[in-house]
């Protein structure tokens, strides 16, 4: 089963749960502080922070490592939770897993997509930073005597310290220092599925009882003008809401946490 943590407001008795899914190379801790804010504002919800397959502590799941498999993992997790899962929020890769899961889960009442393109992107546009990070992890090896040695190697390969520190969240203690706990080949397989999947049908044919919200970074390049126009057309006929956060890049929740929190809290009303 996927590793997960549940966030609720103090003294609350939630009646439903919302899954929270990180992006590629992330983990369930990425959204923890924001999830606390969500729970305080929406105490009727429990927020389930998930380590997607081959990320964080969810290691060793059987292949194939695909978008569909990642969505099936969520279905299995839902069966083990005590609260009914009525919402899912995902960022980037996690958003596309959320869309795939939503397509197979008509009982969902809330779908929140954070800076992700529902369509196929065979040119891999907009994910250059993640792909470059994977190249670096593949090149520098998996074992390190200290965390600082890992950071130095990542920065020597052309990344800034903030990116190096983010990648260092994938280190775990080992007898001789630190070890990269993720398998780069498995992550690449997940990304391959992410780039070829076209999930516009989930957005354009959403059940009438489902509230779908897109939260996009105003400075993000994930969607081109034609794709934004397609999304706006869905919104114009009441199929979704679109919230653009001015000045925020792809990591909207990092660049603008207050605006992101406000948008999610509003989407869950």
C-alpha atoms as a PDB file:
ATOM      1  CA  UNK A   1       0.000   0.000   0.000  1.00  0.00           C
ATOM      2  CA  UNK A   2       1.103   3.551  -0.630  1.00  0.00           C
ATOM      3  CA  UNK A   3       2.758   5.347   2.263  1.00  0.00           C
ATOM      4  CA  UNK A   4       0.545   8.185   3.446  1.00  0.00           C
ATOM      5  CA  UNK A   5      -0.150  10.598   6.294  1.00  0.00           C
ATOM      6  CA  UNK A   6      -3.495  12.060   7.318  1.00  0.00           C
ATOM      7  CA  UNK A   7      -3.915  15.713   8.297  1.00  0.00           C
ATOM      8  CA  UNK A   8      -7.020  16.914  10.150  1.00  0.00           C
ATOM      9  CA  UNK A   9      -7.939  20.006  12.146  1.00  0.00           C
ATOM     10  CA  UNK A  10      -7.562  19.714  15.914  1.00  0.00           C
ATOM     11  CA  UNK A  11     -10.770  18.479  17.520  1.00  0.00           C
ATOM     12  CA  UNK A  12     -12.515  17.962  14.180  1.00  0.00           C
ATOM     13  CA  UNK A  13     -14.576  14.992  13.011  1.00  0.00           C
ATOM     14  CA  UNK A  14     -14.145  14.899   9.227  1.00  0.00           C
ATOM     15  CA  UNK A  15     -16.786  13.187   7.127  1.00  0.00           C
ATOM     16  CA  UNK A  16     -14.790  12.838   3.889  1.00  0.00           C
ATOM     17  CA  UNK A  17     -11.218  12.742   2.655  1.00  0.00           C
ATOM     18  CA  UNK A  18      -9.194  14.468  -0.051  1.00  0.00           C
ATOM     19  CA  UNK A  19      -6.061  12.867  -1.479  1.00  0.00           C
ATOM     20  CA  UNK A  20      -3.099  15.231  -1.961  1.00  0.00           C
ATOM     21  CA  UNK A  21      -0.574  14.190  -4.624  1.00  0.00           C
ATOM     22  CA  UNK A  22       2.917  15.600  -5.142  1.00  0.00           C
ATOM     23  CA  UNK A  23       4.797  16.088  -8.391  1.00  0.00           C
ATOM     24  CA  UNK A  24       7.594  13.999  -9.890  1.00  0.00           C
ATOM     25  CA  UNK A  25      10.574  13.466  -7.542  1.00  0.00           C
ATOM     26  CA  UNK A  26       8.489  14.852  -4.671  1.00  0.00           C
ATOM     27  CA  UNK A  27       6.972  13.225  -1.594  1.00  0.00           C
ATOM     28  CA  UNK A  28       4.021  13.497   0.772  1.00  0.00           C
ATOM     29  CA  UNK A  29       5.836  16.078   2.903  1.00  0.00           C
ATOM     30  CA  UNK A  30       5.739  18.662   0.077  1.00  0.00           C
ATOM     31  CA  UNK A  31       2.166  19.735   0.843  1.00  0.00           C
ATOM     32  CA  UNK A  32       2.119  19.124   4.615  1.00  0.00           C
ATOM     33  CA  UNK A  33       2.149  22.758   5.794  1.00  0.00           C
ATOM     34  CA  UNK A  34      -0.499  23.784   3.265  1.00  0.00           C
ATOM     35  CA  UNK A  35      -2.631  20.749   4.142  1.00  0.00           C
ATOM     36  CA  UNK A  36      -2.750  21.976   7.742  1.00  0.00           C
ATOM     37  CA  UNK A  37      -4.141  25.275   6.491  1.00  0.00           C
ATOM     38  CA  UNK A  38      -6.702  23.459   4.343  1.00  0.00           C
ATOM     39  CA  UNK A  39      -7.826  21.384   7.314  1.00  0.00           C
ATOM     40  CA  UNK A  40      -8.209  24.374   9.618  1.00  0.00           C
ATOM     41  CA  UNK A  41     -10.385  26.126   7.036  1.00  0.00           C
ATOM     42  CA  UNK A  42     -12.305  22.991   6.010  1.00  0.00           C
ATOM     43  CA  UNK A  43     -12.515  20.825   9.170  1.00  0.00           C
ATOM     44  CA  UNK A  44     -15.092  18.532   7.550  1.00  0.00           C
ATOM     45  CA  UNK A  45     -12.294  17.228   5.300  1.00  0.00           C
ATOM     46  CA  UNK A  46      -9.344  14.977   6.150  1.00  0.00           C
ATOM     47  CA  UNK A  47      -6.325  15.452   3.865  1.00  0.00           C
ATOM     48  CA  UNK A  48      -4.424  12.311   2.905  1.00  0.00           C
ATOM     49  CA  UNK A  49      -0.858  13.144   1.879  1.00  0.00           C
ATOM     50  CA  UNK A  50       0.326  10.368  -0.411  1.00  0.00           C
ATOM     51  CA  UNK A  51       3.737   9.098  -1.518  1.00  0.00           C
ATOM     52  CA  UNK A  52       3.027   8.011  -5.094  1.00  0.00           C
ATOM     53  CA  UNK A  53       4.613   4.783  -6.300  1.00  0.00           C
ATOM     54  CA  UNK A  54       8.424   4.814  -6.397  1.00  0.00           C
ATOM     55  CA  UNK A  55       8.448   8.086  -4.465  1.00  0.00           C
ATOM     56  CA  UNK A  56       9.151   8.751  -0.810  1.00  0.00           C
ATOM     57  CA  UNK A  57       8.438   5.671   1.293  1.00  0.00           C
ATOM     58  CA  UNK A  58       6.310   3.992  -1.420  1.00  0.00           C
ATOM     59  CA  UNK A  59       9.163   1.929  -2.814  1.00  0.00           C
ATOM     60  CA  UNK A  60       9.238  -1.565  -4.294  1.00  0.00           C
ATOM     61  CA  UNK A  61       5.764  -1.641  -5.821  1.00  0.00           C
ATOM     62  CA  UNK A  62       5.492  -4.117  -8.699  1.00  0.00           C
ATOM     63  CA  UNK A  63       5.952  -2.837 -12.268  1.00  0.00           C
ATOM     64  CA  UNK A  64       4.880  -1.655 -14.717  1.00  0.00           C
ATOM     65  CA  UNK A  65       5.443   1.841 -13.400  1.00  0.00           C
ATOM     66  CA  UNK A  66       2.806   3.707 -15.356  1.00  0.00           C
ATOM     67  CA  UNK A  67       0.246   6.453 -14.900  1.00  0.00           C
ATOM     68  CA  UNK A  68      -2.537   3.863 -14.854  1.00  0.00           C
ATOM     69  CA  UNK A  69      -0.739   1.841 -12.187  1.00  0.00           C
ATOM     70  CA  UNK A  70      -0.285   4.971 -10.066  1.00  0.00           C
ATOM     71  CA  UNK A  71      -4.028   5.643 -10.318  1.00  0.00           C
ATOM     72  CA  UNK A  72      -4.860   2.034  -9.379  1.00  0.00           C
ATOM     73  CA  UNK A  73      -2.640   2.416  -6.311  1.00  0.00           C
ATOM     74  CA  UNK A  74      -4.931   5.237  -5.191  1.00  0.00           C
ATOM     75  CA  UNK A  75      -8.014   3.052  -5.629  1.00  0.00           C
ATOM     76  CA  UNK A  76      -6.433   0.412  -3.389  1.00  0.00           C
ATOM     77  CA  UNK A  77      -5.518   3.049  -0.823  1.00  0.00           C
ATOM     78  CA  UNK A  78      -9.083   4.402  -0.786  1.00  0.00           C
ATOM     79  CA  UNK A  79     -10.398   0.936   0.027  1.00  0.00           C
ATOM     80  CA  UNK A  80      -8.226   0.874   3.154  1.00  0.00           C
ATOM     81  CA  UNK A  81      -9.211   4.317   4.461  1.00  0.00           C
ATOM     82  CA  UNK A  82     -12.021   4.717   6.971  1.00  0.00           C
ATOM     83  CA  UNK A  83     -13.424   7.876   5.378  1.00  0.00           C
ATOM     84  CA  UNK A  84     -14.908   8.041   1.876  1.00  0.00           C
ATOM     85  CA  UNK A  85     -12.574   9.781  -0.565  1.00  0.00           C
ATOM     86  CA  UNK A  86     -14.523  12.535  -2.256  1.00  0.00           C
ATOM     87  CA  UNK A  87     -11.683  14.791  -3.421  1.00  0.00           C
ATOM     88  CA  UNK A  88      -8.263  14.660  -5.005  1.00  0.00           C
ATOM     89  CA  UNK A  89      -5.686  17.409  -5.456  1.00  0.00           C
ATOM     90  CA  UNK A  90      -2.575  16.908  -7.543  1.00  0.00           C
ATOM     91  CA  UNK A  91       0.342  19.022  -8.680  1.00  0.00           C
ATOM     92  CA  UNK A  92       2.117  18.461 -12.009  1.00  0.00           C
ATOM     93  CA  UNK A  93       2.718  14.703 -12.411  1.00  0.00           C
ATOM     94  CA  UNK A  94       0.473  14.136  -9.401  1.00  0.00           C
ATOM     95  CA  UNK A  95      -2.267  16.147 -11.115  1.00  0.00           C
ATOM     96  CA  UNK A  96      -2.254  13.805 -14.072  1.00  0.00           C
ATOM     97  CA  UNK A  97      -2.433  10.828 -11.722  1.00  0.00           C
ATOM     98  CA  UNK A  98      -5.386  12.622 -10.119  1.00  0.00           C
ATOM     99  CA  UNK A  99      -7.055  13.049 -13.516  1.00  0.00           C
ATOM    100  CA  UNK A 100      -6.545   9.372 -14.347  1.00  0.00           C
ATOM    101  CA  UNK A 101      -7.945   8.375 -10.947  1.00  0.00           C
ATOM    102  CA  UNK A 102     -10.892  10.750 -11.348  1.00  0.00           C
ATOM    103  CA  UNK A 103     -11.722   9.229 -14.718  1.00  0.00           C
ATOM    104  CA  UNK A 104     -12.291   5.891 -12.995  1.00  0.00           C
ATOM    105  CA  UNK A 105     -13.947   7.276  -9.834  1.00  0.00           C
ATOM    106  CA  UNK A 106     -17.339   8.861 -10.536  1.00  0.00           C
ATOM    107  CA  UNK A 107     -18.001   9.295  -6.791  1.00  0.00           C
ATOM    108  CA  UNK A 108     -15.423  12.099  -6.578  1.00  0.00           C
ATOM    109  CA  UNK A 109     -17.066  15.458  -5.929  1.00  0.00           C
ATOM    110  CA  UNK A 110     -13.919  17.630  -6.045  1.00  0.00           C
ATOM    111  CA  UNK A 111     -10.964  17.536  -8.447  1.00  0.00           C
ATOM    112  CA  UNK A 112      -8.201  20.128  -8.077  1.00  0.00           C
ATOM    113  CA  UNK A 113      -5.490  20.297 -10.744  1.00  0.00           C
ATOM    114  CA  UNK A 114      -2.453  22.403  -9.851  1.00  0.00           C
ATOM    115  CA  UNK A 115      -0.425  23.589 -12.851  1.00  0.00           C
ATOM    116  CA  UNK A 116      -0.719  20.565 -15.094  1.00  0.00           C
ATOM    117  CA  UNK A 117      -1.671  20.035 -18.717  1.00  0.00           C
ATOM    118  CA  UNK A 118      -4.373  17.378 -19.224  1.00  0.00           C
ATOM    119  CA  UNK A 119      -3.160  16.610 -22.736  1.00  0.00           C
ATOM    120  CA  UNK A 120      -0.258  14.680 -24.212  1.00  0.00           C
ATOM    121  CA  UNK A 121       3.074  16.470 -24.452  1.00  0.00           C
ATOM    122  CA  UNK A 122       5.354  14.304 -26.601  1.00  0.00           C
ATOM    123  CA  UNK A 123       7.794  17.211 -26.855  1.00  0.00           C
ATOM    124  CA  UNK A 124       8.037  17.205 -23.016  1.00  0.00           C
ATOM    125  CA  UNK A 125       7.641  20.986 -23.030  1.00  0.00           C
ATOM    126  CA  UNK A 126       7.489  22.597 -19.614  1.00  0.00           C
ATOM    127  CA  UNK A 127       9.272  19.777 -17.774  1.00  0.00           C
ATOM    128  CA  UNK A 128      12.832  20.658 -18.663  1.00  0.00           C
ATOM    129  CA  UNK A 129      13.879  21.194 -15.030  1.00  0.00           C
ATOM    130  CA  UNK A 130      12.597  17.792 -13.908  1.00  0.00           C
ATOM    131  CA  UNK A 131      14.217  16.015 -16.849  1.00  0.00           C
ATOM    132  CA  UNK A 132      17.513  17.774 -16.185  1.00  0.00           C
ATOM    133  CA  UNK A 133      17.314  16.755 -12.519  1.00  0.00           C
ATOM    134  CA  UNK A 134      16.797  13.120 -13.529  1.00  0.00           C
ATOM    135  CA  UNK A 135      19.827  13.291 -15.830  1.00  0.00           C
ATOM    136  CA  UNK A 136      21.879  14.589 -12.909  1.00  0.00           C
ATOM    137  CA  UNK A 137      20.708  11.890 -10.499  1.00  0.00           C
ATOM    138  CA  UNK A 138      21.508   9.243 -13.073  1.00  0.00           C
ATOM    139  CA  UNK A 139      24.993  10.661 -13.647  1.00  0.00           C
ATOM    140  CA  UNK A 140      26.175  11.225 -10.078  1.00  0.00           C
ATOM    141  CA  UNK A 141      25.401   7.840  -8.529  1.00  0.00           C
ATOM    142  CA  UNK A 142      23.316   6.723  -5.546  1.00  0.00           C
ATOM    143  CA  UNK A 143      25.665   6.662  -2.518  1.00  0.00           C
ATOM    144  CA  UNK A 144      27.138   9.643  -0.668  1.00  0.00           C
ATOM    145  CA  UNK A 145      29.251  10.010   2.475  1.00  0.00           C
ATOM    146  CA  UNK A 146      27.411  13.194   3.525  1.00  0.00           C
ATOM    147  CA  UNK A 147      24.402  15.230   2.490  1.00  0.00           C
ATOM    148  CA  UNK A 148      26.708  18.151   1.668  1.00  0.00           C
ATOM    149  CA  UNK A 149      28.647  15.960  -0.756  1.00  0.00           C
ATOM    150  CA  UNK A 150      25.397  15.182  -2.572  1.00  0.00           C
ATOM    151  CA  UNK A 151      24.444  18.871  -2.693  1.00  0.00           C
ATOM    152  CA  UNK A 152      27.853  19.790  -4.068  1.00  0.00           C
ATOM    153  CA  UNK A 153      27.613  17.162  -6.810  1.00  0.00           C
ATOM    154  CA  UNK A 154      24.162  18.340  -7.880  1.00  0.00           C
ATOM    155  CA  UNK A 155      25.275  21.983  -7.968  1.00  0.00           C
ATOM    156  CA  UNK A 156      28.424  21.057  -9.881  1.00  0.00           C
ATOM    157  CA  UNK A 157      26.132  19.628 -12.559  1.00  0.00           C
ATOM    158  CA  UNK A 158      24.531  23.040 -13.076  1.00  0.00           C
ATOM    159  CA  UNK A 159      21.666  23.239 -10.575  1.00  0.00           C
ATOM    160  CA  UNK A 160      21.186  25.887  -7.908  1.00  0.00           C
ATOM    161  CA  UNK A 161      21.184  25.115  -4.199  1.00  0.00           C
ATOM    162  CA  UNK A 162      17.392  25.188  -3.862  1.00  0.00           C
ATOM    163  CA  UNK A 163      17.050  22.479  -6.511  1.00  0.00           C
ATOM    164  CA  UNK A 164      19.847  20.490  -4.870  1.00  0.00           C
ATOM    165  CA  UNK A 165      18.130  20.741  -1.480  1.00  0.00           C
ATOM    166  CA  UNK A 166      14.833  19.612  -3.004  1.00  0.00           C
ATOM    167  CA  UNK A 167      16.494  16.576  -4.594  1.00  0.00           C
ATOM    168  CA  UNK A 168      18.216  15.836  -1.269  1.00  0.00           C
ATOM    169  CA  UNK A 169      14.784  15.071   0.179  1.00  0.00           C
ATOM    170  CA  UNK A 170      15.167  11.770  -1.686  1.00  0.00           C
ATOM    171  CA  UNK A 171      18.196  10.754   0.397  1.00  0.00           C
ATOM    172  CA  UNK A 172      17.971   8.214   3.195  1.00  0.00           C
ATOM    173  CA  UNK A 173      20.505   7.200   5.833  1.00  0.00           C
ATOM    174  CA  UNK A 174      22.757   4.273   4.959  1.00  0.00           C
ATOM    175  CA  UNK A 175      25.548   2.507   6.915  1.00  0.00           C
ATOM    176  CA  UNK A 176      28.190   4.439   4.979  1.00  0.00           C
ATOM    177  CA  UNK A 177      26.386   7.792   4.834  1.00  0.00           C
ATOM    178  CA  UNK A 178      23.435   8.506   2.557  1.00  0.00           C
ATOM    179  CA  UNK A 179      21.747   6.692  -0.303  1.00  0.00           C
ATOM    180  CA  UNK A 180      19.335   7.872  -2.980  1.00  0.00           C
ATOM    181  CA  UNK A 181      16.156   5.930  -2.191  1.00  0.00           C
ATOM    182  CA  UNK A 182      14.483   6.333  -5.588  1.00  0.00           C
ATOM    183  CA  UNK A 183      15.194   4.349  -8.744  1.00  0.00           C
ATOM    184  CA  UNK A 184      15.738   6.747 -11.628  1.00  0.00           C
ATOM    185  CA  UNK A 185      14.658   4.199 -14.262  1.00  0.00           C
ATOM    186  CA  UNK A 186      11.302   3.743 -12.513  1.00  0.00           C
ATOM    187  CA  UNK A 187      10.780   7.507 -12.353  1.00  0.00           C
ATOM    188  CA  UNK A 188      11.555   7.801 -16.063  1.00  0.00           C
ATOM    189  CA  UNK A 189       8.965   5.126 -16.795  1.00  0.00           C
ATOM    190  CA  UNK A 190       6.338   7.082 -14.858  1.00  0.00           C
ATOM    191  CA  UNK A 191       7.247  10.249 -16.762  1.00  0.00           C
ATOM    192  CA  UNK A 192       7.026   8.437 -20.097  1.00  0.00           C
ATOM    193  CA  UNK A 193       3.397   7.618 -19.305  1.00  0.00           C
ATOM    194  CA  UNK A 194       2.761  11.152 -18.094  1.00  0.00           C
ATOM    195  CA  UNK A 195       3.878  12.707 -21.360  1.00  0.00           C
ATOM    196  CA  UNK A 196       1.836  10.467 -23.684  1.00  0.00           C
ATOM    197  CA  UNK A 197      -1.436  10.405 -21.705  1.00  0.00           C
ATOM    198  CA  UNK A 198      -4.278  12.554 -23.022  1.00  0.00           C
ATOM    199  CA  UNK A 199      -6.844  13.097 -20.264  1.00  0.00           C
ATOM    200  CA  UNK A 200      -8.802  16.007 -21.677  1.00  0.00           C
ATOM    201  CA  UNK A 201     -11.887  13.760 -21.731  1.00  0.00           C
ATOM    202  CA  UNK A 202     -11.862  13.682 -17.913  1.00  0.00           C
ATOM    203  CA  UNK A 203     -12.038  17.478 -17.877  1.00  0.00           C
ATOM    204  CA  UNK A 204     -14.477  17.937 -20.739  1.00  0.00           C
ATOM    205  CA  UNK A 205     -16.887  15.181 -19.680  1.00  0.00           C
ATOM    206  CA  UNK A 206     -16.879  15.661 -15.917  1.00  0.00           C
ATOM    207  CA  UNK A 207     -19.910  14.304 -14.015  1.00  0.00           C
ATOM    208  CA  UNK A 208     -22.380  17.062 -13.095  1.00  0.00           C
ATOM    209  CA  UNK A 209     -21.848  16.540  -9.356  1.00  0.00           C
ATOM    210  CA  UNK A 210     -18.084  17.115  -9.588  1.00  0.00           C
ATOM    211  CA  UNK A 211     -16.443  20.478  -8.996  1.00  0.00           C
ATOM    212  CA  UNK A 212     -13.224  20.714 -11.053  1.00  0.00           C
ATOM    213  CA  UNK A 213     -10.747  23.520 -10.378  1.00  0.00           C
ATOM    214  CA  UNK A 214      -7.521  24.338 -12.209  1.00  0.00           C
ATOM    215  CA  UNK A 215      -4.954  26.437 -10.330  1.00  0.00           C
ATOM    216  CA  UNK A 216      -2.331  27.696 -12.779  1.00  0.00           C
ATOM    217  CA  UNK A 217       0.852  29.695 -12.350  1.00  0.00           C
ATOM    218  CA  UNK A 218       0.667  32.888 -14.326  1.00  0.00           C
ATOM    219  CA  UNK A 219       4.348  32.588 -15.239  1.00  0.00           C
ATOM    220  CA  UNK A 220       4.242  28.844 -15.927  1.00  0.00           C
ATOM    221  CA  UNK A 221       4.801  27.444 -19.411  1.00  0.00           C
ATOM    222  CA  UNK A 222       2.958  24.168 -18.880  1.00  0.00           C
ATOM    223  CA  UNK A 223       0.047  25.134 -21.154  1.00  0.00           C
ATOM    224  CA  UNK A 224       0.292  26.979 -24.454  1.00  0.00           C
ATOM    225  CA  UNK A 225      -2.294  29.572 -25.619  1.00  0.00           C
ATOM    226  CA  UNK A 226      -4.345  27.005 -27.568  1.00  0.00           C
ATOM    227  CA  UNK A 227      -4.545  24.715 -24.549  1.00  0.00           C
ATOM    228  CA  UNK A 228      -5.493  27.592 -22.276  1.00  0.00           C
ATOM    229  CA  UNK A 229      -8.237  28.535 -24.739  1.00  0.00           C
ATOM    230  CA  UNK A 230      -9.522  24.944 -24.663  1.00  0.00           C
ATOM    231  CA  UNK A 231      -9.607  25.060 -20.863  1.00  0.00           C
ATOM    232  CA  UNK A 232     -11.366  28.430 -20.898  1.00  0.00           C
ATOM    233  CA  UNK A 233     -13.995  26.941 -23.223  1.00  0.00           C
ATOM    234  CA  UNK A 234     -14.702  24.213 -20.666  1.00  0.00           C
ATOM    235  CA  UNK A 235     -14.939  26.852 -17.938  1.00  0.00           C
ATOM    236  CA  UNK A 236     -17.295  28.993 -20.044  1.00  0.00           C
ATOM    237  CA  UNK A 237     -19.850  26.204 -20.191  1.00  0.00           C
ATOM    238  CA  UNK A 238     -19.539  25.512 -16.466  1.00  0.00           C
ATOM    239  CA  UNK A 239     -17.328  22.428 -16.673  1.00  0.00           C
ATOM    240  CA  UNK A 240     -14.547  23.777 -14.463  1.00  0.00           C
ATOM    241  CA  UNK A 241     -13.134  26.823 -12.729  1.00  0.00           C
ATOM    242  CA  UNK A 242      -9.761  28.317 -13.609  1.00  0.00           C
ATOM    243  CA  UNK A 243      -7.688  30.272 -11.099  1.00  0.00           C
ATOM    244  CA  UNK A 244      -4.514  31.931 -12.416  1.00  0.00           C
ATOM    245  CA  UNK A 245      -1.983  32.989  -9.776  1.00  0.00           C
ATOM    246  CA  UNK A 246      -0.121  36.034 -11.165  1.00  0.00           C
ATOM    247  CA  UNK A 247       3.665  35.790 -11.143  1.00  0.00           C
ATOM    248  CA  UNK A 248       3.793  32.193  -9.911  1.00  0.00           C
ATOM    249  CA  UNK A 249       5.723  29.602 -11.868  1.00  0.00           C
ATOM    250  CA  UNK A 250       5.159  25.859 -12.132  1.00  0.00           C
ATOM    251  CA  UNK A 251       5.681  25.333  -8.380  1.00  0.00           C
ATOM    252  CA  UNK A 252       2.658  27.510  -7.633  1.00  0.00           C
ATOM    253  CA  UNK A 253       2.337  26.319  -4.037  1.00  0.00           C
ATOM    254  CA  UNK A 254       5.959  27.276  -3.345  1.00  0.00           C
ATOM    255  CA  UNK A 255       5.920  30.606  -5.186  1.00  0.00           C
ATOM    256  CA  UNK A 256       2.553  31.728  -3.833  1.00  0.00           C
ATOM    257  CA  UNK A 257       1.455  29.605  -0.847  1.00  0.00           C
ATOM    258  CA  UNK A 258      -1.156  32.087   0.393  1.00  0.00           C
ATOM    259  CA  UNK A 259      -2.860  32.373  -2.996  1.00  0.00           C
ATOM    260  CA  UNK A 260      -2.697  28.604  -3.465  1.00  0.00           C
ATOM    261  CA  UNK A 261      -4.221  27.967  -0.053  1.00  0.00           C
ATOM    262  CA  UNK A 262      -7.008  30.437  -0.731  1.00  0.00           C
ATOM    263  CA  UNK A 263      -7.776  28.848  -4.101  1.00  0.00           C
ATOM    264  CA  UNK A 264      -7.884  25.301  -2.687  1.00  0.00           C
ATOM    265  CA  UNK A 265     -10.020  26.328   0.298  1.00  0.00           C
ATOM    266  CA  UNK A 266     -12.448  28.043  -2.078  1.00  0.00           C
ATOM    267  CA  UNK A 267     -12.518  25.006  -4.388  1.00  0.00           C
ATOM    268  CA  UNK A 268     -13.523  22.768  -1.470  1.00  0.00           C
ATOM    269  CA  UNK A 269     -16.456  24.929  -0.427  1.00  0.00           C
END
